[in-house]
Structure formats: structure tokens, C-alpha cells
């Protein structure tokens, strides 16, 4: 998220925080079957209420959209530039959502 976002003041993001904000989510996560979607499972029955405004394949592209004010990206920590010089910051989900990665 952008460092000037109201949610940036929080130390962690609850699912209730995500109901009223535009979200940018990984295309792979959104396109998975509901029964195999870790984020949908984490979010529960309110998943359909989310305002997913667009999707991404590369976190770099999502970061550009976040910087432009399009929405909040749901992504794995430490893969987008959230250094002190960046206009972006990362806040973990609470309860924590762990997701595995496959590298080929």
C-alpha cells in the first residue's frame, strides 16, 4: 500500500479492513478454484464482497498500480520495494496467511 494510506498506520491488516477498499490481487490466486484458493479460504464467506478492481501477474506491475492510487495489492511480503525511499509499505494480514511458492 502507499505510505500515505490510512491503513498504513496499522501494524497488521484484518479482513474487515479489506471490505471497503479497492484491491489488486494476483491473477493466479483469483483464477484458482474456490476450493483451492488460500486467500478466499482465509477471507471466508465475505470473499465475494471484496472489491477486486484488477489483477496482476508480476508484483512489479501491481506496485506501479498501487503507486498510481488504483488500489491495495495483496501480495507476499518482501517481494515489492518497500524500502525507506519507496512510497510503498507492506503490512501483514492478521491472522497470518502463509502461502507456498513453486519455482521451476
PDB file of N, CA and C in Angstrom:
ATOM      1  N   UNK A   1       0.839  -1.177   0.000  1.00  0.00           N
ATOM      2  CA  UNK A   1       0.000   0.000   0.000  1.00  0.00           C
ATOM      3  C   UNK A   1       0.881   1.236   0.000  1.00  0.00           C
ATOM      4  N   UNK A   2       0.280   2.375  -0.303  1.00  0.00           N
ATOM      5  CA  UNK A   2       1.027   3.618  -0.242  1.00  0.00           C
ATOM      6  C   UNK A   2       1.243   4.002   1.216  1.00  0.00           C
ATOM      7  N   UNK A   3       2.386   4.616   1.476  1.00  0.00           N
ATOM      8  CA  UNK A   3       2.704   5.016   2.852  1.00  0.00           C
ATOM      9  C   UNK A   3       1.748   6.079   3.374  1.00  0.00           C
ATOM     10  N   UNK A   4       1.086   6.814   2.475  1.00  0.00           N
ATOM     11  CA  UNK A   4       0.146   7.846   2.911  1.00  0.00           C
ATOM     12  C   UNK A   4      -1.280   7.306   3.042  1.00  0.00           C
ATOM     13  N   UNK A   5      -1.444   5.998   2.933  1.00  0.00           N
ATOM     14  CA  UNK A   5      -2.750   5.359   3.073  1.00  0.00           C
ATOM     15  C   UNK A   5      -3.165   5.309   4.543  1.00  0.00           C
ATOM     16  N   UNK A   6      -4.453   5.455   4.838  1.00  0.00           N
ATOM     17  CA  UNK A   6      -4.917   5.311   6.231  1.00  0.00           C
ATOM     18  C   UNK A   6      -4.572   3.941   6.818  1.00  0.00           C
ATOM     19  N   UNK A   7      -4.590   2.885   6.007  1.00  0.00           N
ATOM     20  CA  UNK A   7      -4.270   1.552   6.514  1.00  0.00           C
ATOM     21  C   UNK A   7      -2.789   1.401   6.839  1.00  0.00           C
ATOM     22  N   UNK A   8      -1.946   2.272   6.328  1.00  0.00           N
ATOM     23  CA  UNK A   8      -0.503   2.198   6.592  1.00  0.00           C
ATOM     24  C   UNK A   8      -0.197   2.472   8.065  1.00  0.00           C
ATOM     25  N   UNK A   9      -1.118   3.101   8.773  1.00  0.00           N
ATOM     26  CA  UNK A   9      -0.929   3.383  10.193  1.00  0.00           C
ATOM     27  C   UNK A   9      -1.085   2.129  11.051  1.00  0.00           C
ATOM     28  N   UNK A  10      -1.672   1.082  10.486  1.00  0.00           N
ATOM     29  CA  UNK A  10      -1.889  -0.164  11.228  1.00  0.00           C
ATOM     30  C   UNK A  10      -0.640  -1.035  11.172  1.00  0.00           C
ATOM     31  N   UNK A  11      -0.473  -1.890  12.168  1.00  0.00           N
ATOM     32  CA  UNK A  11       0.649  -2.827  12.161  1.00  0.00           C
ATOM     33  C   UNK A  11       0.296  -4.119  11.421  1.00  0.00           C
ATOM     34  N   UNK A  12      -0.985  -4.411  11.298  1.00  0.00           N
ATOM     35  CA  UNK A  12      -1.460  -5.594  10.574  1.00  0.00           C
ATOM     36  C   UNK A  12      -2.849  -5.285  10.018  1.00  0.00           C
ATOM     37  N   UNK A  13      -3.212  -5.997   8.964  1.00  0.00           N
ATOM     38  CA  UNK A  13      -4.478  -5.774   8.282  1.00  0.00           C
ATOM     39  C   UNK A  13      -5.431  -6.925   8.573  1.00  0.00           C
ATOM     40  N   UNK A  14      -6.609  -6.594   9.061  1.00  0.00           N
ATOM     41  CA  UNK A  14      -7.654  -7.576   9.324  1.00  0.00           C
ATOM     42  C   UNK A  14      -8.541  -7.706   8.092  1.00  0.00           C
ATOM     43  N   UNK A  15      -9.248  -8.820   7.981  1.00  0.00           N
ATOM     44  CA  UNK A  15     -10.102  -8.975   6.808  1.00  0.00           C
ATOM     45  C   UNK A  15     -11.181  -7.894   6.741  1.00  0.00           C
ATOM     46  N   UNK A  16     -11.627  -7.400   7.871  1.00  0.00           N
ATOM     47  CA  UNK A  16     -12.628  -6.337   7.880  1.00  0.00           C
ATOM     48  C   UNK A  16     -12.088  -5.051   7.241  1.00  0.00           C
ATOM     49  N   UNK A  17     -10.774  -4.845   7.329  1.00  0.00           N
ATOM     50  CA  UNK A  17     -10.152  -3.660   6.739  1.00  0.00           C
ATOM     51  C   UNK A  17     -10.219  -3.683   5.220  1.00  0.00           C
ATOM     52  N   UNK A  18     -10.347  -4.866   4.641  1.00  0.00           N
ATOM     53  CA  UNK A  18     -10.288  -5.013   3.193  1.00  0.00           C
ATOM     54  C   UNK A  18     -11.647  -4.924   2.502  1.00  0.00           C
ATOM     55  N   UNK A  19     -12.725  -4.871   3.275  1.00  0.00           N
ATOM     56  CA  UNK A  19     -14.057  -4.863   2.687  1.00  0.00           C
ATOM     57  C   UNK A  19     -14.377  -3.584   1.920  1.00  0.00           C
ATOM     58  N   UNK A  20     -13.817  -2.465   2.326  1.00  0.00           N
ATOM     59  CA  UNK A  20     -14.208  -1.189   1.733  1.00  0.00           C
ATOM     60  C   UNK A  20     -13.104  -0.515   0.934  1.00  0.00           C
ATOM     61  N   UNK A  21     -12.125  -1.281   0.465  1.00  0.00           N
ATOM     62  CA  UNK A  21     -11.030  -0.687  -0.305  1.00  0.00           C
ATOM     63  C   UNK A  21     -10.866  -1.437  -1.628  1.00  0.00           C
ATOM     64  N   UNK A  22     -10.403  -0.746  -2.678  1.00  0.00           N
ATOM     65  CA  UNK A  22     -10.149  -1.421  -3.950  1.00  0.00           C
ATOM     66  C   UNK A  22      -8.897  -2.296  -3.846  1.00  0.00           C
ATOM     67  N   UNK A  23      -9.010  -3.542  -4.279  1.00  0.00           N
ATOM     68  CA  UNK A  23      -7.911  -4.500  -4.145  1.00  0.00           C
ATOM     69  C   UNK A  23      -7.344  -4.891  -5.510  1.00  0.00           C
ATOM     70  N   UNK A  24      -6.047  -5.118  -5.512  1.00  0.00           N
ATOM     71  CA  UNK A  24      -5.319  -5.612  -6.680  1.00  0.00           C
ATOM     72  C   UNK A  24      -4.758  -6.966  -6.258  1.00  0.00           C
ATOM     73  N   UNK A  25      -5.239  -8.021  -6.883  1.00  0.00           N
ATOM     74  CA  UNK A  25      -4.867  -9.373  -6.461  1.00  0.00           C
ATOM     75  C   UNK A  25      -4.180 -10.133  -7.585  1.00  0.00           C
ATOM     76  N   UNK A  26      -3.378 -11.087  -7.207  1.00  0.00           N
ATOM     77  CA  UNK A  26      -2.706 -11.953  -8.164  1.00  0.00           C
ATOM     78  C   UNK A  26      -3.729 -12.695  -9.009  1.00  0.00           C
ATOM     79  N   UNK A  27      -3.513 -12.678 -10.293  1.00  0.00           N
ATOM     80  CA  UNK A  27      -4.422 -13.385 -11.204  1.00  0.00           C
ATOM     81  C   UNK A  27      -4.447 -14.874 -10.887  1.00  0.00           C
ATOM     82  N   UNK A  28      -3.308 -15.437 -10.520  1.00  0.00           N
ATOM     83  CA  UNK A  28      -3.245 -16.867 -10.216  1.00  0.00           C
ATOM     84  C   UNK A  28      -4.118 -17.223  -9.011  1.00  0.00           C
ATOM     85  N   UNK A  29      -4.100 -16.385  -8.003  1.00  0.00           N
ATOM     86  CA  UNK A  29      -4.894 -16.659  -6.804  1.00  0.00           C
ATOM     87  C   UNK A  29      -6.379 -16.531  -7.096  1.00  0.00           C
ATOM     88  N   UNK A  30      -6.757 -15.508  -7.832  1.00  0.00           N
ATOM     89  CA  UNK A  30      -8.173 -15.276  -8.116  1.00  0.00           C
ATOM     90  C   UNK A  30      -8.720 -16.322  -9.078  1.00  0.00           C
ATOM     91  N   UNK A  31      -7.893 -16.806 -10.007  1.00  0.00           N
ATOM     92  CA  UNK A  31      -8.380 -17.751 -11.006  1.00  0.00           C
ATOM     93  C   UNK A  31      -8.436 -19.192 -10.496  1.00  0.00           C
ATOM     94  N   UNK A  32      -7.852 -19.457  -9.342  1.00  0.00           N
ATOM     95  CA  UNK A  32      -7.916 -20.813  -8.792  1.00  0.00           C
ATOM     96  C   UNK A  32      -9.342 -21.148  -8.390  1.00  0.00           C
ATOM     97  N   UNK A  33      -9.635 -22.427  -8.404  1.00  0.00           N
ATOM     98  CA  UNK A  33     -10.939 -22.861  -7.931  1.00  0.00           C
ATOM     99  C   UNK A  33     -11.137 -22.411  -6.493  1.00  0.00           C
ATOM    100  N   UNK A  34     -12.341 -22.063  -6.146  1.00  0.00           N
ATOM    101  CA  UNK A  34     -12.658 -21.575  -4.798  1.00  0.00           C
ATOM    102  C   UNK A  34     -12.208 -22.571  -3.737  1.00  0.00           C
ATOM    103  N   UNK A  35     -12.280 -23.852  -4.038  1.00  0.00           N
ATOM    104  CA  UNK A  35     -11.906 -24.870  -3.040  1.00  0.00           C
ATOM    105  C   UNK A  35     -10.396 -24.943  -2.821  1.00  0.00           C
ATOM    106  N   UNK A  36      -9.586 -24.341  -3.710  1.00  0.00           N
ATOM    107  CA  UNK A  36      -8.137 -24.372  -3.576  1.00  0.00           C
ATOM    108  C   UNK A  36      -7.545 -22.966  -3.491  1.00  0.00           C
ATOM    109  N   UNK A  37      -8.317 -22.007  -3.061  1.00  0.00           N
ATOM    110  CA  UNK A  37      -7.890 -20.622  -3.029  1.00  0.00           C
ATOM    111  C   UNK A  37      -7.590 -20.228  -1.579  1.00  0.00           C
ATOM    112  N   UNK A  38      -6.301 -20.124  -1.233  1.00  0.00           N
ATOM    113  CA  UNK A  38      -5.906 -19.847   0.151  1.00  0.00           C
ATOM    114  C   UNK A  38      -6.447 -18.504   0.641  1.00  0.00           C
ATOM    115  N   UNK A  39      -6.415 -17.483  -0.219  1.00  0.00           N
ATOM    116  CA  UNK A  39      -6.902 -16.166   0.185  1.00  0.00           C
ATOM    117  C   UNK A  39      -8.410 -16.196   0.411  1.00  0.00           C
ATOM    118  N   UNK A  40      -9.141 -16.841  -0.471  1.00  0.00           N
ATOM    119  CA  UNK A  40     -10.596 -16.955  -0.297  1.00  0.00           C
ATOM    120  C   UNK A  40     -10.919 -17.724   0.976  1.00  0.00           C
ATOM    121  N   UNK A  41     -10.162 -18.773   1.237  1.00  0.00           N
ATOM    122  CA  UNK A  41     -10.374 -19.538   2.476  1.00  0.00           C
ATOM    123  C   UNK A  41     -10.082 -18.684   3.697  1.00  0.00           C
ATOM    124  N   UNK A  42      -8.998 -17.888   3.634  1.00  0.00           N
ATOM    125  CA  UNK A  42      -8.640 -17.005   4.754  1.00  0.00           C
ATOM    126  C   UNK A  42      -9.735 -15.984   4.975  1.00  0.00           C
ATOM    127  N   UNK A  43     -10.283 -15.459   3.877  1.00  0.00           N
ATOM    128  CA  UNK A  43     -11.277 -14.400   4.000  1.00  0.00           C
ATOM    129  C   UNK A  43     -12.629 -14.921   4.436  1.00  0.00           C
ATOM    130  N   UNK A  44     -12.966 -16.139   4.052  1.00  0.00           N
ATOM    131  CA  UNK A  44     -14.225 -16.736   4.478  1.00  0.00           C
ATOM    132  C   UNK A  44     -15.401 -16.347   3.605  1.00  0.00           C
ATOM    133  N   UNK A  45     -16.570 -16.382   4.207  1.00  0.00           N
ATOM    134  CA  UNK A  45     -17.814 -16.190   3.445  1.00  0.00           C
ATOM    135  C   UNK A  45     -17.966 -14.791   2.859  1.00  0.00           C
ATOM    136  N   UNK A  46     -17.207 -13.815   3.330  1.00  0.00           N
ATOM    137  CA  UNK A  46     -17.295 -12.464   2.785  1.00  0.00           C
ATOM    138  C   UNK A  46     -16.393 -12.230   1.577  1.00  0.00           C
ATOM    139  N   UNK A  47     -15.731 -13.285   1.072  1.00  0.00           N
ATOM    140  CA  UNK A  47     -14.829 -13.142  -0.064  1.00  0.00           C
ATOM    141  C   UNK A  47     -15.519 -12.478  -1.257  1.00  0.00           C
ATOM    142  N   UNK A  48     -16.752 -12.833  -1.504  1.00  0.00           N
ATOM    143  CA  UNK A  48     -17.497 -12.288  -2.647  1.00  0.00           C
ATOM    144  C   UNK A  48     -17.789 -10.794  -2.483  1.00  0.00           C
ATOM    145  N   UNK A  49     -17.660 -10.251  -1.304  1.00  0.00           N
ATOM    146  CA  UNK A  49     -17.914  -8.828  -1.052  1.00  0.00           C
ATOM    147  C   UNK A  49     -16.710  -7.947  -1.362  1.00  0.00           C
ATOM    148  N   UNK A  50     -15.547  -8.565  -1.632  1.00  0.00           N
ATOM    149  CA  UNK A  50     -14.335  -7.788  -1.891  1.00  0.00           C
ATOM    150  C   UNK A  50     -14.450  -7.018  -3.202  1.00  0.00           C
ATOM    151  N   UNK A  51     -13.859  -5.839  -3.224  1.00  0.00           N
ATOM    152  CA  UNK A  51     -13.832  -5.002  -4.422  1.00  0.00           C
ATOM    153  C   UNK A  51     -12.494  -5.206  -5.130  1.00  0.00           C
ATOM    154  N   UNK A  52     -12.396  -6.277  -5.893  1.00  0.00           N
ATOM    155  CA  UNK A  52     -11.169  -6.569  -6.638  1.00  0.00           C
ATOM    156  C   UNK A  52     -11.263  -5.814  -7.957  1.00  0.00           C
ATOM    157  N   UNK A  53     -10.482  -4.728  -8.065  1.00  0.00           N
ATOM    158  CA  UNK A  53     -10.589  -3.838  -9.220  1.00  0.00           C
ATOM    159  C   UNK A  53      -9.742  -4.291 -10.398  1.00  0.00           C
ATOM    160  N   UNK A  54      -8.693  -5.045 -10.145  1.00  0.00           N
ATOM    161  CA  UNK A  54      -7.853  -5.573 -11.214  1.00  0.00           C
ATOM    162  C   UNK A  54      -6.957  -6.669 -10.662  1.00  0.00           C
ATOM    163  N   UNK A  55      -6.281  -7.360 -11.558  1.00  0.00           N
ATOM    164  CA  UNK A  55      -5.370  -8.422 -11.164  1.00  0.00           C
ATOM    165  C   UNK A  55      -3.994  -8.152 -11.770  1.00  0.00           C
ATOM    166  N   UNK A  56      -3.005  -8.925 -11.302  1.00  0.00           N
ATOM    167  CA  UNK A  56      -1.649  -8.784 -11.828  1.00  0.00           C
ATOM    168  C   UNK A  56      -0.987 -10.142 -11.945  1.00  0.00           C
ATOM    169  N   UNK A  57       0.030 -10.197 -12.812  1.00  0.00           N
ATOM    170  CA  UNK A  57       0.875 -11.389 -12.919  1.00  0.00           C
ATOM    171  C   UNK A  57       2.219 -11.154 -12.259  1.00  0.00           C
ATOM    172  N   UNK A  58       2.710  -9.910 -12.307  1.00  0.00           N
ATOM    173  CA  UNK A  58       4.002  -9.551 -11.730  1.00  0.00           C
ATOM    174  C   UNK A  58       3.790  -8.496 -10.645  1.00  0.00           C
ATOM    175  N   UNK A  59       4.403  -8.694  -9.497  1.00  0.00           N
ATOM    176  CA  UNK A  59       4.260  -7.746  -8.394  1.00  0.00           C
ATOM    177  C   UNK A  59       4.768  -6.363  -8.795  1.00  0.00           C
ATOM    178  N   UNK A  60       5.770  -6.312  -9.643  1.00  0.00           N
ATOM    179  CA  UNK A  60       6.270  -5.022 -10.123  1.00  0.00           C
ATOM    180  C   UNK A  60       5.134  -4.196 -10.733  1.00  0.00           C
ATOM    181  N   UNK A  61       4.297  -4.840 -11.538  1.00  0.00           N
ATOM    182  CA  UNK A  61       3.161  -4.145 -12.151  1.00  0.00           C
ATOM    183  C   UNK A  61       2.142  -3.720 -11.096  1.00  0.00           C
ATOM    184  N   UNK A  62       1.911  -4.572 -10.126  1.00  0.00           N
ATOM    185  CA  UNK A  62       0.980  -4.234  -9.048  1.00  0.00           C
ATOM    186  C   UNK A  62       1.489  -3.015  -8.280  1.00  0.00           C
ATOM    187  N   UNK A  63       2.798  -2.960  -8.034  1.00  0.00           N
ATOM    188  CA  UNK A  63       3.382  -1.828  -7.302  1.00  0.00           C
ATOM    189  C   UNK A  63       3.155  -0.516  -8.057  1.00  0.00           C
ATOM    190  N   UNK A  64       3.283  -0.553  -9.367  1.00  0.00           N
ATOM    191  CA  UNK A  64       3.030   0.652 -10.172  1.00  0.00           C
ATOM    192  C   UNK A  64       1.574   1.089 -10.023  1.00  0.00           C
ATOM    193  N   UNK A  65       0.662   0.127 -10.036  1.00  0.00           N
ATOM    194  CA  UNK A  65      -0.761   0.456  -9.885  1.00  0.00           C
ATOM    195  C   UNK A  65      -1.046   1.018  -8.498  1.00  0.00           C
ATOM    196  N   UNK A  66      -0.415   0.459  -7.474  1.00  0.00           N
ATOM    197  CA  UNK A  66      -0.602   0.974  -6.112  1.00  0.00           C
ATOM    198  C   UNK A  66      -0.062   2.397  -6.018  1.00  0.00           C
ATOM    199  N   UNK A  67       1.128   2.633  -6.557  1.00  0.00           N
ATOM    200  CA  UNK A  67       1.701   3.984  -6.542  1.00  0.00           C
ATOM    201  C   UNK A  67       0.787   4.981  -7.239  1.00  0.00           C
ATOM    202  N   UNK A  68       0.076   4.538  -8.286  1.00  0.00           N
ATOM    203  CA  UNK A  68      -0.836   5.403  -9.029  1.00  0.00           C
ATOM    204  C   UNK A  68      -2.159   5.614  -8.301  1.00  0.00           C
ATOM    205  N   UNK A  69      -2.355   4.912  -7.180  1.00  0.00           N
ATOM    206  CA  UNK A  69      -3.574   5.102  -6.392  1.00  0.00           C
ATOM    207  C   UNK A  69      -4.751   4.244  -6.824  1.00  0.00           C
ATOM    208  N   UNK A  70      -4.497   3.208  -7.608  1.00  0.00           N
ATOM    209  CA  UNK A  70      -5.579   2.359  -8.107  1.00  0.00           C
ATOM    210  C   UNK A  70      -6.155   1.474  -6.999  1.00  0.00           C
ATOM    211  N   UNK A  71      -5.325   1.043  -6.074  1.00  0.00           N
ATOM    212  CA  UNK A  71      -5.825   0.184  -5.005  1.00  0.00           C
ATOM    213  C   UNK A  71      -4.708  -0.345  -4.132  1.00  0.00           C
ATOM    214  N   UNK A  72      -5.043  -1.356  -3.359  1.00  0.00           N
ATOM    215  CA  UNK A  72      -4.135  -2.018  -2.428  1.00  0.00           C
ATOM    216  C   UNK A  72      -3.798  -3.385  -2.995  1.00  0.00           C
ATOM    217  N   UNK A  73      -2.531  -3.723  -3.088  1.00  0.00           N
ATOM    218  CA  UNK A  73      -2.128  -5.020  -3.616  1.00  0.00           C
ATOM    219  C   UNK A  73      -2.048  -6.059  -2.499  1.00  0.00           C
ATOM    220  N   UNK A  74      -2.597  -7.215  -2.779  1.00  0.00           N
ATOM    221  CA  UNK A  74      -2.467  -8.358  -1.887  1.00  0.00           C
ATOM    222  C   UNK A  74      -1.317  -9.185  -2.446  1.00  0.00           C
ATOM    223  N   UNK A  75      -0.231  -9.272  -1.692  1.00  0.00           N
ATOM    224  CA  UNK A  75       0.951  -9.960  -2.189  1.00  0.00           C
ATOM    225  C   UNK A  75       1.768 -10.544  -1.042  1.00  0.00           C
ATOM    226  N   UNK A  76       2.737 -11.323  -1.391  1.00  0.00           N
ATOM    227  CA  UNK A  76       3.662 -11.909  -0.433  1.00  0.00           C
ATOM    228  C   UNK A  76       4.636 -10.828   0.022  1.00  0.00           C
ATOM    229  N   UNK A  77       4.995 -10.838   1.277  1.00  0.00           N
ATOM    230  CA  UNK A  77       5.919  -9.838   1.813  1.00  0.00           C
ATOM    231  C   UNK A  77       7.314  -9.954   1.228  1.00  0.00           C
ATOM    232  N   UNK A  78       7.986  -8.832   1.180  1.00  0.00           N
ATOM    233  CA  UNK A  78       9.391  -8.725   0.791  1.00  0.00           C
ATOM    234  C   UNK A  78       9.672  -8.968  -0.687  1.00  0.00           C
ATOM    235  N   UNK A  79       8.645  -8.917  -1.547  1.00  0.00           N
ATOM    236  CA  UNK A  79       8.938  -9.060  -2.974  1.00  0.00           C
ATOM    237  C   UNK A  79       8.681  -7.766  -3.744  1.00  0.00           C
ATOM    238  N   UNK A  80       8.121  -6.772  -3.089  1.00  0.00           N
ATOM    239  CA  UNK A  80       7.961  -5.445  -3.691  1.00  0.00           C
ATOM    240  C   UNK A  80       8.888  -4.483  -2.949  1.00  0.00           C
ATOM    241  N   UNK A  81       9.298  -3.434  -3.615  1.00  0.00           N
ATOM    242  CA  UNK A  81      10.178  -2.449  -2.998  1.00  0.00           C
ATOM    243  C   UNK A  81       9.395  -1.621  -1.979  1.00  0.00           C
ATOM    244  N   UNK A  82       9.671  -1.864  -0.710  1.00  0.00           N
ATOM    245  CA  UNK A  82       9.058  -1.085   0.369  1.00  0.00           C
ATOM    246  C   UNK A  82      10.154  -0.459   1.227  1.00  0.00           C
ATOM    247  N   UNK A  83      11.274  -0.158   0.588  1.00  0.00           N
ATOM    248  CA  UNK A  83      12.393   0.453   1.309  1.00  0.00           C
ATOM    249  C   UNK A  83      12.014   1.857   1.769  1.00  0.00           C
ATOM    250  N   UNK A  84      12.882   2.454   2.565  1.00  0.00           N
ATOM    251  CA  UNK A  84      12.616   3.792   3.094  1.00  0.00           C
ATOM    252  C   UNK A  84      12.415   4.820   1.979  1.00  0.00           C
ATOM    253  N   UNK A  85      13.095   4.632   0.853  1.00  0.00           N
ATOM    254  CA  UNK A  85      12.981   5.578  -0.258  1.00  0.00           C
ATOM    255  C   UNK A  85      11.743   5.343  -1.119  1.00  0.00           C
ATOM    256  N   UNK A  86      11.036   4.230  -0.894  1.00  0.00           N
ATOM    257  CA  UNK A  86       9.841   3.894  -1.666  1.00  0.00           C
ATOM    258  C   UNK A  86       8.615   4.612  -1.101  1.00  0.00           C
ATOM    259  N   UNK A  87       7.640   4.843  -1.947  1.00  0.00           N
ATOM    260  CA  UNK A  87       6.367   5.419  -1.491  1.00  0.00           C
ATOM    261  C   UNK A  87       5.417   4.336  -0.996  1.00  0.00           C
ATOM    262  N   UNK A  88       5.872   3.073  -1.019  1.00  0.00           N
ATOM    263  CA  UNK A  88       5.030   1.943  -0.627  1.00  0.00           C
ATOM    264  C   UNK A  88       5.479   1.332   0.692  1.00  0.00           C
ATOM    265  N   UNK A  89       4.545   0.662   1.353  1.00  0.00           N
ATOM    266  CA  UNK A  89       4.864  -0.084   2.568  1.00  0.00           C
ATOM    267  C   UNK A  89       4.086  -1.393   2.551  1.00  0.00           C
ATOM    268  N   UNK A  90       4.504  -2.324   3.371  1.00  0.00           N
ATOM    269  CA  UNK A  90       3.869  -3.639   3.477  1.00  0.00           C
ATOM    270  C   UNK A  90       3.317  -3.809   4.879  1.00  0.00           C
ATOM    271  N   UNK A  91       2.115  -4.334   4.983  1.00  0.00           N
ATOM    272  CA  UNK A  91       1.526  -4.699   6.266  1.00  0.00           C
ATOM    273  C   UNK A  91       1.017  -6.127   6.153  1.00  0.00           C
ATOM    274  N   UNK A  92       1.348  -6.989   7.124  1.00  0.00           N
ATOM    275  CA  UNK A  92       0.898  -8.386   7.053  1.00  0.00           C
ATOM    276  C   UNK A  92      -0.585  -8.513   7.360  1.00  0.00           C
ATOM    277  N   UNK A  93      -1.145  -9.602   6.892  1.00  0.00           N
ATOM    278  CA  UNK A  93      -2.530  -9.930   7.231  1.00  0.00           C
ATOM    279  C   UNK A  93      -2.559 -10.547   8.618  1.00  0.00           C
ATOM    280  N   UNK A  94      -3.656 -10.334   9.320  1.00  0.00           N
ATOM    281  CA  UNK A  94      -3.839 -10.917  10.647  1.00  0.00           C
ATOM    282  C   UNK A  94      -5.234 -11.505  10.718  1.00  0.00           C
ATOM    283  N   UNK A  95      -5.393 -12.795  10.978  1.00  0.00           N
ATOM    284  CA  UNK A  95      -4.339 -13.751  11.254  1.00  0.00           C
ATOM    285  C   UNK A  95      -3.477 -13.976  10.012  1.00  0.00           C
ATOM    286  N   UNK A  96      -2.240 -14.367  10.262  1.00  0.00           N
ATOM    287  CA  UNK A  96      -1.265 -14.540   9.195  1.00  0.00           C
ATOM    288  C   UNK A  96      -1.718 -15.556   8.180  1.00  0.00           C
ATOM    289  N   UNK A  97      -1.500 -15.251   6.911  1.00  0.00           N
ATOM    290  CA  UNK A  97      -1.802 -16.182   5.819  1.00  0.00           C
ATOM    291  C   UNK A  97      -0.485 -16.609   5.206  1.00  0.00           C
ATOM    292  N   UNK A  98      -0.177 -17.880   5.265  1.00  0.00           N
ATOM    293  CA  UNK A  98       1.049 -18.413   4.674  1.00  0.00           C
ATOM    294  C   UNK A  98       0.691 -19.060   3.340  1.00  0.00           C
ATOM    295  N   UNK A  99       1.553 -18.840   2.359  1.00  0.00           N
ATOM    296  CA  UNK A  99       1.336 -19.410   1.045  1.00  0.00           C
ATOM    297  C   UNK A  99       2.639 -19.959   0.515  1.00  0.00           C
ATOM    298  N   UNK A 100       2.600 -21.124  -0.071  1.00  0.00           N
ATOM    299  CA  UNK A 100       3.802 -21.727  -0.636  1.00  0.00           C
ATOM    300  C   UNK A 100       4.073 -21.216  -2.040  1.00  0.00           C
ATOM    301  N   UNK A 101       5.316 -21.300  -2.433  1.00  0.00           N
ATOM    302  CA  UNK A 101       5.729 -20.909  -3.786  1.00  0.00           C
ATOM    303  C   UNK A 101       6.372 -22.096  -4.470  1.00  0.00           C
ATOM    304  N   UNK A 102       6.173 -22.188  -5.763  1.00  0.00           N
ATOM    305  CA  UNK A 102       6.852 -23.183  -6.565  1.00  0.00           C
ATOM    306  C   UNK A 102       7.745 -22.468  -7.552  1.00  0.00           C
ATOM    307  N   UNK A 103       9.002 -22.828  -7.596  1.00  0.00           N
ATOM    308  CA  UNK A 103       9.947 -22.243  -8.539  1.00  0.00           C
ATOM    309  C   UNK A 103      10.353 -23.333  -9.513  1.00  0.00           C
ATOM    310  N   UNK A 104      10.206 -23.031 -10.780  1.00  0.00           N
ATOM    311  CA  UNK A 104      10.538 -24.013 -11.817  1.00  0.00           C
ATOM    312  C   UNK A 104      11.714 -23.498 -12.608  1.00  0.00           C
TER     313      UNK A 104
END
